């Protein structure tokens, strides 16, 4: 299987810059969210539609990022 309908965009969630990637494999859309600076993926979700997969992943990512402390120097 090859990924179809691939999109990648940058956004800001809970004050953090993130990269949101969405693609379709078979009948299921997959979405991953990664921190822009180190590029670490930290939230993933699947759904029947692009919007469903992205909204689930964004909800998880927002919850995780809200728990993360920022240190200002």
PDB file of N, CA and C in Angstrom:
ATOM      1  N   UNK A   1       0.830  -1.197   0.000  1.00  0.00           N
ATOM      2  CA  UNK A   1       0.000   0.000   0.000  1.00  0.00           C
ATOM      3  C   UNK A   1       0.866   1.249   0.000  1.00  0.00           C
ATOM      4  N   UNK A   2       0.405   2.233  -0.714  1.00  0.00           N
ATOM      5  CA  UNK A   2       1.096   3.518  -0.749  1.00  0.00           C
ATOM      6  C   UNK A   2       0.239   4.563  -0.046  1.00  0.00           C
ATOM      7  N   UNK A   3       0.885   5.490   0.672  1.00  0.00           N
ATOM      8  CA  UNK A   3       0.109   6.573   1.280  1.00  0.00           C
ATOM      9  C   UNK A   3      -0.505   7.468   0.209  1.00  0.00           C
ATOM     10  N   UNK A   4      -1.741   7.888   0.452  1.00  0.00           N
ATOM     11  CA  UNK A   4      -2.436   8.788  -0.461  1.00  0.00           C
ATOM     12  C   UNK A   4      -2.864  10.032   0.300  1.00  0.00           C
ATOM     13  N   UNK A   5      -3.189  11.071  -0.422  1.00  0.00           N
ATOM     14  CA  UNK A   5      -3.756  12.296   0.163  1.00  0.00           C
ATOM     15  C   UNK A   5      -2.889  12.834   1.305  1.00  0.00           C
ATOM     16  N   UNK A   6      -1.579  12.912   1.077  1.00  0.00           N
ATOM     17  CA  UNK A   6      -0.620  13.335   2.108  1.00  0.00           C
ATOM     18  C   UNK A   6      -0.600  14.861   2.242  1.00  0.00           C
ATOM     19  N   UNK A   7      -0.655  15.344   3.482  1.00  0.00           N
ATOM     20  CA  UNK A   7      -0.490  16.775   3.744  1.00  0.00           C
ATOM     21  C   UNK A   7       0.415  16.960   4.946  1.00  0.00           C
ATOM     22  N   UNK A   8       1.141  18.064   4.921  1.00  0.00           N
ATOM     23  CA  UNK A   8       2.007  18.427   6.044  1.00  0.00           C
ATOM     24  C   UNK A   8       1.908  19.929   6.231  1.00  0.00           C
ATOM     25  N   UNK A   9       1.676  20.349   7.471  1.00  0.00           N
ATOM     26  CA  UNK A   9       1.576  21.776   7.769  1.00  0.00           C
ATOM     27  C   UNK A   9       2.122  22.044   9.156  1.00  0.00           C
ATOM     28  N   UNK A  10       2.471  23.298   9.389  1.00  0.00           N
ATOM     29  CA  UNK A  10       2.949  23.705  10.703  1.00  0.00           C
ATOM     30  C   UNK A  10       1.883  24.544  11.376  1.00  0.00           C
ATOM     31  N   UNK A  11       1.775  24.376  12.694  1.00  0.00           N
ATOM     32  CA  UNK A  11       0.792  25.112  13.478  1.00  0.00           C
ATOM     33  C   UNK A  11       1.369  25.335  14.869  1.00  0.00           C
ATOM     34  N   UNK A  12       0.620  26.027  15.694  1.00  0.00           N
ATOM     35  CA  UNK A  12       1.029  26.246  17.078  1.00  0.00           C
ATOM     36  C   UNK A  12      -0.054  25.700  17.988  1.00  0.00           C
ATOM     37  N   UNK A  13       0.347  24.821  18.906  1.00  0.00           N
ATOM     38  CA  UNK A  13      -0.571  24.245  19.880  1.00  0.00           C
ATOM     39  C   UNK A  13      -0.051  24.515  21.278  1.00  0.00           C
ATOM     40  N   UNK A  14      -0.868  25.088  22.120  1.00  0.00           N
ATOM     41  CA  UNK A  14      -0.511  25.374  23.515  1.00  0.00           C
ATOM     42  C   UNK A  14       0.811  26.128  23.612  1.00  0.00           C
ATOM     43  N   UNK A  15       1.084  27.002  22.648  1.00  0.00           N
ATOM     44  CA  UNK A  15       2.299  27.808  22.668  1.00  0.00           C
ATOM     45  C   UNK A  15       3.528  27.131  22.093  1.00  0.00           C
ATOM     46  N   UNK A  16       3.391  25.960  21.503  1.00  0.00           N
ATOM     47  CA  UNK A  16       4.525  25.217  20.934  1.00  0.00           C
ATOM     48  C   UNK A  16       4.349  25.084  19.428  1.00  0.00           C
ATOM     49  N   UNK A  17       5.410  25.282  18.646  1.00  0.00           N
ATOM     50  CA  UNK A  17       5.323  25.045  17.205  1.00  0.00           C
ATOM     51  C   UNK A  17       5.353  23.541  16.924  1.00  0.00           C
ATOM     52  N   UNK A  18       4.393  23.062  16.132  1.00  0.00           N
ATOM     53  CA  UNK A  18       4.305  21.636  15.827  1.00  0.00           C
ATOM     54  C   UNK A  18       4.117  21.435  14.326  1.00  0.00           C
ATOM     55  N   UNK A  19       4.414  20.238  13.882  1.00  0.00           N
ATOM     56  CA  UNK A  19       4.211  19.829  12.505  1.00  0.00           C
ATOM     57  C   UNK A  19       3.114  18.763  12.496  1.00  0.00           C
ATOM     58  N   UNK A  20       2.101  18.942  11.658  1.00  0.00           N
ATOM     59  CA  UNK A  20       0.980  18.010  11.581  1.00  0.00           C
ATOM     60  C   UNK A  20       1.017  17.322  10.219  1.00  0.00           C
ATOM     61  N   UNK A  21       1.158  15.995  10.229  1.00  0.00           N
ATOM     62  CA  UNK A  21       1.192  15.208   8.998  1.00  0.00           C
ATOM     63  C   UNK A  21      -0.024  14.292   8.968  1.00  0.00           C
ATOM     64  N   UNK A  22      -0.722  14.283   7.835  1.00  0.00           N
ATOM     65  CA  UNK A  22      -1.896  13.429   7.673  1.00  0.00           C
ATOM     66  C   UNK A  22      -1.802  12.718   6.336  1.00  0.00           C
ATOM     67  N   UNK A  23      -2.160  11.433   6.330  1.00  0.00           N
ATOM     68  CA  UNK A  23      -2.150  10.660   5.096  1.00  0.00           C
ATOM     69  C   UNK A  23      -3.173   9.531   5.202  1.00  0.00           C
ATOM     70  N   UNK A  24      -3.496   8.950   4.068  1.00  0.00           N
ATOM     71  CA  UNK A  24      -4.477   7.879   4.006  1.00  0.00           C
ATOM     72  C   UNK A  24      -3.797   6.593   3.559  1.00  0.00           C
ATOM     73  N   UNK A  25      -4.009   5.530   4.319  1.00  0.00           N
ATOM     74  CA  UNK A  25      -3.544   4.189   3.953  1.00  0.00           C
ATOM     75  C   UNK A  25      -4.776   3.302   3.888  1.00  0.00           C
ATOM     76  N   UNK A  26      -5.082   2.795   2.721  1.00  0.00           N
ATOM     77  CA  UNK A  26      -6.302   2.006   2.580  1.00  0.00           C
ATOM     78  C   UNK A  26      -7.515   2.901   2.793  1.00  0.00           C
ATOM     79  N   UNK A  27      -8.351   2.529   3.755  1.00  0.00           N
ATOM     80  CA  UNK A  27      -9.553   3.310   4.053  1.00  0.00           C
ATOM     81  C   UNK A  27      -9.409   4.163   5.304  1.00  0.00           C
ATOM     82  N   UNK A  28      -8.234   4.177   5.929  1.00  0.00           N
ATOM     83  CA  UNK A  28      -8.046   4.854   7.211  1.00  0.00           C
ATOM     84  C   UNK A  28      -7.061   6.016   7.070  1.00  0.00           C
ATOM     85  N   UNK A  29      -7.434   7.148   7.644  1.00  0.00           N
ATOM     86  CA  UNK A  29      -6.540   8.305   7.710  1.00  0.00           C
ATOM     87  C   UNK A  29      -5.697   8.221   8.980  1.00  0.00           C
ATOM     88  N   UNK A  30      -4.425   8.559   8.856  1.00  0.00           N
ATOM     89  CA  UNK A  30      -3.492   8.557   9.985  1.00  0.00           C
ATOM     90  C   UNK A  30      -2.939   9.970  10.137  1.00  0.00           C
ATOM     91  N   UNK A  31      -2.789  10.409  11.379  1.00  0.00           N
ATOM     92  CA  UNK A  31      -2.259  11.742  11.651  1.00  0.00           C
ATOM     93  C   UNK A  31      -1.193  11.635  12.723  1.00  0.00           C
ATOM     94  N   UNK A  32      -0.059  12.285  12.510  1.00  0.00           N
ATOM     95  CA  UNK A  32       0.994  12.351  13.513  1.00  0.00           C
ATOM     96  C   UNK A  32       1.348  13.814  13.757  1.00  0.00           C
ATOM     97  N   UNK A  33       1.660  14.110  15.007  1.00  0.00           N
ATOM     98  CA  UNK A  33       2.049  15.465  15.376  1.00  0.00           C
ATOM     99  C   UNK A  33       3.432  15.399  16.009  1.00  0.00           C
ATOM    100  N   UNK A  34       4.326  16.259  15.525  1.00  0.00           N
ATOM    101  CA  UNK A  34       5.713  16.273  15.987  1.00  0.00           C
ATOM    102  C   UNK A  34       6.113  17.682  16.394  1.00  0.00           C
ATOM    103  N   UNK A  35       7.019  17.755  17.356  1.00  0.00           N
ATOM    104  CA  UNK A  35       7.594  19.026  17.763  1.00  0.00           C
ATOM    105  C   UNK A  35       8.504  19.485  16.630  1.00  0.00           C
ATOM    106  N   UNK A  36       8.450  20.755  16.264  1.00  0.00           N
ATOM    107  CA  UNK A  36       9.216  21.250  15.120  1.00  0.00           C
ATOM    108  C   UNK A  36      10.713  21.240  15.395  1.00  0.00           C
ATOM    109  N   UNK A  37      11.133  21.679  16.566  1.00  0.00           N
ATOM    110  CA  UNK A  37      12.561  21.830  16.840  1.00  0.00           C
ATOM    111  C   UNK A  37      13.310  20.502  16.837  1.00  0.00           C
ATOM    112  N   UNK A  38      13.022  19.545  17.726  1.00  0.00           N
ATOM    113  CA  UNK A  38      13.760  18.290  17.640  1.00  0.00           C
ATOM    114  C   UNK A  38      13.150  17.292  16.664  1.00  0.00           C
ATOM    115  N   UNK A  39      11.905  17.524  16.241  1.00  0.00           N
ATOM    116  CA  UNK A  39      11.265  16.621  15.296  1.00  0.00           C
ATOM    117  C   UNK A  39      10.724  15.352  15.918  1.00  0.00           C
ATOM    118  N   UNK A  40      10.503  15.335  17.217  1.00  0.00           N
ATOM    119  CA  UNK A  40      10.019  14.144  17.912  1.00  0.00           C
ATOM    120  C   UNK A  40       8.506  14.027  17.792  1.00  0.00           C
ATOM    121  N   UNK A  41       8.036  12.875  17.315  1.00  0.00           N
ATOM    122  CA  UNK A  41       6.594  12.634  17.244  1.00  0.00           C
ATOM    123  C   UNK A  41       6.081  12.292  18.629  1.00  0.00           C
ATOM    124  N   UNK A  42       4.970  12.898  19.008  1.00  0.00           N
ATOM    125  CA  UNK A  42       4.450  12.617  20.347  1.00  0.00           C
ATOM    126  C   UNK A  42       2.948  12.394  20.390  1.00  0.00           C
ATOM    127  N   UNK A  43       2.252  12.539  19.283  1.00  0.00           N
ATOM    128  CA  UNK A  43       0.817  12.253  19.254  1.00  0.00           C
ATOM    129  C   UNK A  43       0.456  11.645  17.906  1.00  0.00           C
ATOM    130  N   UNK A  44      -0.334  10.580  17.963  1.00  0.00           N
ATOM    131  CA  UNK A  44      -0.790   9.908  16.753  1.00  0.00           C
ATOM    132  C   UNK A  44      -2.258   9.564  16.916  1.00  0.00           C
ATOM    133  N   UNK A  45      -2.979   9.518  15.812  1.00  0.00           N
ATOM    134  CA  UNK A  45      -4.382   9.119  15.851  1.00  0.00           C
ATOM    135  C   UNK A  45      -4.819   8.658  14.472  1.00  0.00           C
ATOM    136  N   UNK A  46      -5.877   7.855  14.450  1.00  0.00           N
ATOM    137  CA  UNK A  46      -6.462   7.341  13.219  1.00  0.00           C
ATOM    138  C   UNK A  46      -7.927   7.747  13.166  1.00  0.00           C
ATOM    139  N   UNK A  47      -8.492   7.743  11.962  1.00  0.00           N
ATOM    140  CA  UNK A  47      -9.906   8.056  11.814  1.00  0.00           C
ATOM    141  C   UNK A  47     -10.409   7.711  10.428  1.00  0.00           C
ATOM    142  N   UNK A  48     -11.711   7.706  10.294  1.00  0.00           N
ATOM    143  CA  UNK A  48     -12.331   7.400   9.013  1.00  0.00           C
ATOM    144  C   UNK A  48     -12.201   8.557   8.034  1.00  0.00           C
ATOM    145  N   UNK A  49     -12.051   9.795   8.567  1.00  0.00           N
ATOM    146  CA  UNK A  49     -11.885  10.973   7.718  1.00  0.00           C
ATOM    147  C   UNK A  49     -10.653  11.745   8.171  1.00  0.00           C
ATOM    148  N   UNK A  50     -10.191  12.637   7.321  1.00  0.00           N
ATOM    149  CA  UNK A  50      -9.035  13.476   7.660  1.00  0.00           C
ATOM    150  C   UNK A  50      -9.329  14.317   8.899  1.00  0.00           C
ATOM    151  N   UNK A  51     -10.499  14.925   8.931  1.00  0.00           N
ATOM    152  CA  UNK A  51     -10.849  15.792  10.063  1.00  0.00           C
ATOM    153  C   UNK A  51     -10.910  15.018  11.370  1.00  0.00           C
ATOM    154  N   UNK A  52     -11.449  13.811  11.332  1.00  0.00           N
ATOM    155  CA  UNK A  52     -11.545  12.992  12.536  1.00  0.00           C
ATOM    156  C   UNK A  52     -10.154  12.627  13.063  1.00  0.00           C
ATOM    157  N   UNK A  53      -9.269  12.192  12.184  1.00  0.00           N
ATOM    158  CA  UNK A  53      -7.915  11.813  12.590  1.00  0.00           C
ATOM    159  C   UNK A  53      -7.163  13.022  13.144  1.00  0.00           C
ATOM    160  N   UNK A  54      -7.262  14.178  12.459  1.00  0.00           N
ATOM    161  CA  UNK A  54      -6.553  15.370  12.920  1.00  0.00           C
ATOM    162  C   UNK A  54      -7.109  15.875  14.247  1.00  0.00           C
ATOM    163  N   UNK A  55      -8.411  15.868  14.407  1.00  0.00           N
ATOM    164  CA  UNK A  55      -8.977  16.383  15.656  1.00  0.00           C
ATOM    165  C   UNK A  55      -8.594  15.501  16.838  1.00  0.00           C
ATOM    166  N   UNK A  56      -8.559  14.190  16.646  1.00  0.00           N
ATOM    167  CA  UNK A  56      -8.130  13.288  17.732  1.00  0.00           C
ATOM    168  C   UNK A  56      -6.663  13.522  18.088  1.00  0.00           C
ATOM    169  N   UNK A  57      -5.811  13.640  17.074  1.00  0.00           N
ATOM    170  CA  UNK A  57      -4.385  13.850  17.326  1.00  0.00           C
ATOM    171  C   UNK A  57      -4.138  15.213  17.966  1.00  0.00           C
ATOM    172  N   UNK A  58      -4.838  16.246  17.511  1.00  0.00           N
ATOM    173  CA  UNK A  58      -4.670  17.587  18.083  1.00  0.00           C
ATOM    174  C   UNK A  58      -5.130  17.611  19.531  1.00  0.00           C
ATOM    175  N   UNK A  59      -6.202  16.892  19.831  1.00  0.00           N
ATOM    176  CA  UNK A  59      -6.679  16.818  21.221  1.00  0.00           C
ATOM    177  C   UNK A  59      -5.627  16.187  22.126  1.00  0.00           C
ATOM    178  N   UNK A  60      -5.035  15.080  21.676  1.00  0.00           N
ATOM    179  CA  UNK A  60      -3.973  14.428  22.454  1.00  0.00           C
ATOM    180  C   UNK A  60      -2.767  15.348  22.608  1.00  0.00           C
ATOM    181  N   UNK A  61      -2.339  15.949  21.506  1.00  0.00           N
ATOM    182  CA  UNK A  61      -1.155  16.803  21.528  1.00  0.00           C
ATOM    183  C   UNK A  61      -1.356  18.006  22.451  1.00  0.00           C
ATOM    184  N   UNK A  62      -2.517  18.618  22.395  1.00  0.00           N
ATOM    185  CA  UNK A  62      -2.800  19.772  23.248  1.00  0.00           C
ATOM    186  C   UNK A  62      -2.744  19.368  24.718  1.00  0.00           C
ATOM    187  N   UNK A  63      -3.302  18.204  25.029  1.00  0.00           N
ATOM    188  CA  UNK A  63      -3.272  17.710  26.422  1.00  0.00           C
ATOM    189  C   UNK A  63      -1.831  17.464  26.877  1.00  0.00           C
ATOM    190  N   UNK A  64      -1.013  16.831  26.028  1.00  0.00           N
ATOM    191  CA  UNK A  64       0.381  16.562  26.382  1.00  0.00           C
ATOM    192  C   UNK A  64       1.177  17.857  26.540  1.00  0.00           C
ATOM    193  N   UNK A  65       1.004  18.783  25.619  1.00  0.00           N
ATOM    194  CA  UNK A  65       1.775  20.024  25.649  1.00  0.00           C
ATOM    195  C   UNK A  65       1.372  20.925  26.811  1.00  0.00           C
ATOM    196  N   UNK A  66       0.121  20.874  27.225  1.00  0.00           N
ATOM    197  CA  UNK A  66      -0.326  21.675  28.360  1.00  0.00           C
ATOM    198  C   UNK A  66       0.339  21.226  29.655  1.00  0.00           C
ATOM    199  N   UNK A  67       0.776  19.981  29.710  1.00  0.00           N
ATOM    200  CA  UNK A  67       1.454  19.433  30.894  1.00  0.00           C
ATOM    201  C   UNK A  67       2.949  19.721  30.900  1.00  0.00           C
ATOM    202  N   UNK A  68       3.481  20.182  29.789  1.00  0.00           N
ATOM    203  CA  UNK A  68       4.920  20.401  29.648  1.00  0.00           C
ATOM    204  C   UNK A  68       5.305  21.780  30.192  1.00  0.00           C
ATOM    205  N   UNK A  69       6.327  21.801  31.006  1.00  0.00           N
ATOM    206  CA  UNK A  69       6.793  23.070  31.567  1.00  0.00           C
ATOM    207  C   UNK A  69       7.782  23.735  30.624  1.00  0.00           C
ATOM    208  N   UNK A  70       7.727  25.056  30.584  1.00  0.00           N
ATOM    209  CA  UNK A  70       8.699  25.839  29.827  1.00  0.00           C
ATOM    210  C   UNK A  70       9.574  26.578  30.823  1.00  0.00           C
ATOM    211  N   UNK A  71      10.865  26.589  30.543  1.00  0.00           N
ATOM    212  CA  UNK A  71      11.811  27.308  31.383  1.00  0.00           C
ATOM    213  C   UNK A  71      12.304  28.540  30.627  1.00  0.00           C
ATOM    214  N   UNK A  72      12.157  29.666  31.224  1.00  0.00           N
ATOM    215  CA  UNK A  72      12.591  30.928  30.603  1.00  0.00           C
ATOM    216  C   UNK A  72      13.861  31.387  31.293  1.00  0.00           C
ATOM    217  N   UNK A  73      14.850  31.752  30.496  1.00  0.00           N
ATOM    218  CA  UNK A  73      16.123  32.215  31.079  1.00  0.00           C
ATOM    219  C   UNK A  73      16.345  33.669  30.810  1.00  0.00           C
TER     220      UNK A  73
END
